[in-house]
């Protein structure tokens, strides 16, 4: 597995507006992004990967998903089906 670090793109304005409309009283994950900003980046993990080979799933996303899984108190078995729900609703789990 290799890693080709990329900058995390900002949240599109339309996505931000839809999220605010869906959660007018706020949401823990929206607050995390607004108050803390980016928790992890590709460069936090670049020493763990080779420079050549098949590209890996972006490790910052996996780390963030693990944090969210812990916050929600979900086991791996409980969290596994949620990855399909996020993909089918258009959420960007993968670049």
Protein backbone atom coordinates (compact mmCIF):
# COMPACT_ATOMS: atom_id res chain seq x y z
CA UNK A 1 0.00 0.00 0.00
CA UNK A 2 1.18 3.49 -0.79
CA UNK A 3 0.04 6.92 0.22
CA UNK A 4 0.00 9.94 -2.02
CA UNK A 5 -0.84 12.75 0.44
CA UNK A 6 -3.48 15.23 -0.65
CA UNK A 7 -4.85 18.35 0.95
CA UNK A 8 -8.34 17.93 2.41
CA UNK A 9 -10.77 20.03 0.42
CA UNK A 10 -13.02 22.49 2.27
CA UNK A 11 -16.65 21.57 2.76
CA UNK A 12 -18.66 22.89 -0.22
CA UNK A 13 -20.96 25.81 0.62
CA UNK A 14 -24.08 23.91 -0.46
CA UNK A 15 -23.16 20.95 1.76
CA UNK A 16 -22.63 23.30 4.70
CA UNK A 17 -25.99 24.98 4.11
CA UNK A 18 -27.82 21.66 3.88
CA UNK A 19 -26.15 20.42 7.08
CA UNK A 20 -27.11 23.60 8.94
CA UNK A 21 -30.69 23.31 7.68
CA UNK A 22 -30.86 19.65 8.70
CA UNK A 23 -29.46 20.36 12.18
CA UNK A 24 -30.57 23.90 13.13
CA UNK A 25 -29.73 23.26 16.81
CA UNK A 26 -26.32 21.91 15.89
CA UNK A 27 -24.71 18.50 15.79
CA UNK A 28 -21.64 17.12 17.54
CA UNK A 29 -19.82 16.35 14.28
CA UNK A 30 -20.62 19.72 12.72
CA UNK A 31 -19.38 21.40 15.89
CA UNK A 32 -16.18 19.34 15.79
CA UNK A 33 -15.48 20.50 12.25
CA UNK A 34 -16.41 24.13 12.95
CA UNK A 35 -14.58 24.48 16.26
CA UNK A 36 -11.58 22.18 15.86
CA UNK A 37 -11.22 22.02 12.11
CA UNK A 38 -9.36 19.16 10.49
CA UNK A 39 -8.44 16.50 13.05
CA UNK A 40 -6.15 14.41 10.85
CA UNK A 41 -4.43 14.83 7.52
CA UNK A 42 -2.63 12.52 5.11
CA UNK A 43 0.69 13.94 6.31
CA UNK A 44 0.03 12.61 9.84
CA UNK A 45 0.36 9.11 8.38
CA UNK A 46 2.79 9.47 5.48
CA UNK A 47 5.73 7.81 7.29
CA UNK A 48 3.64 4.64 7.71
CA UNK A 49 3.25 4.03 3.97
CA UNK A 50 5.49 3.21 1.05
CA UNK A 51 5.87 5.74 -1.74
CA UNK A 52 4.96 3.21 -4.44
CA UNK A 53 2.37 0.48 -4.81
CA UNK A 54 -1.41 0.38 -4.83
CA UNK A 55 -2.93 3.50 -3.25
CA UNK A 56 -4.36 3.06 0.23
CA UNK A 57 -7.72 4.30 1.46
CA UNK A 58 -6.98 7.70 2.95
CA UNK A 59 -5.91 6.99 6.55
CA UNK A 60 -7.20 10.29 7.93
CA UNK A 61 -10.72 9.16 7.01
CA UNK A 62 -10.27 5.80 8.69
CA UNK A 63 -8.94 7.50 11.83
CA UNK A 64 -11.87 9.94 11.87
CA UNK A 65 -14.34 7.10 11.41
CA UNK A 66 -12.76 5.29 14.38
CA UNK A 67 -13.20 8.41 16.53
CA UNK A 68 -16.85 8.71 15.48
CA UNK A 69 -17.41 5.00 16.11
CA UNK A 70 -16.00 5.40 19.63
CA UNK A 71 -18.15 8.49 20.34
CA UNK A 72 -21.26 6.59 19.24
CA UNK A 73 -20.29 3.54 21.32
CA UNK A 74 -20.52 1.19 18.34
CA UNK A 75 -18.76 -2.13 18.02
CA UNK A 76 -17.06 -2.97 14.71
CA UNK A 77 -19.98 -5.25 13.88
CA UNK A 78 -22.51 -2.45 14.53
CA UNK A 79 -20.51 0.14 12.58
CA UNK A 80 -19.84 -2.00 9.51
CA UNK A 81 -23.26 -1.59 7.83
CA UNK A 82 -23.09 2.20 8.29
CA UNK A 83 -20.35 2.50 5.68
CA UNK A 84 -22.86 1.35 3.06
CA UNK A 85 -25.47 3.83 4.26
CA UNK A 86 -23.00 6.71 3.98
CA UNK A 87 -21.99 5.72 0.44
CA UNK A 88 -25.58 5.21 -0.74
CA UNK A 89 -26.66 8.62 0.57
CA UNK A 90 -23.85 10.36 -1.27
CA UNK A 91 -21.61 11.10 1.71
CA UNK A 92 -17.96 11.18 0.71
CA UNK A 93 -16.24 8.31 2.48
CA UNK A 94 -13.77 7.87 -0.35
CA UNK A 95 -12.20 10.45 -2.65
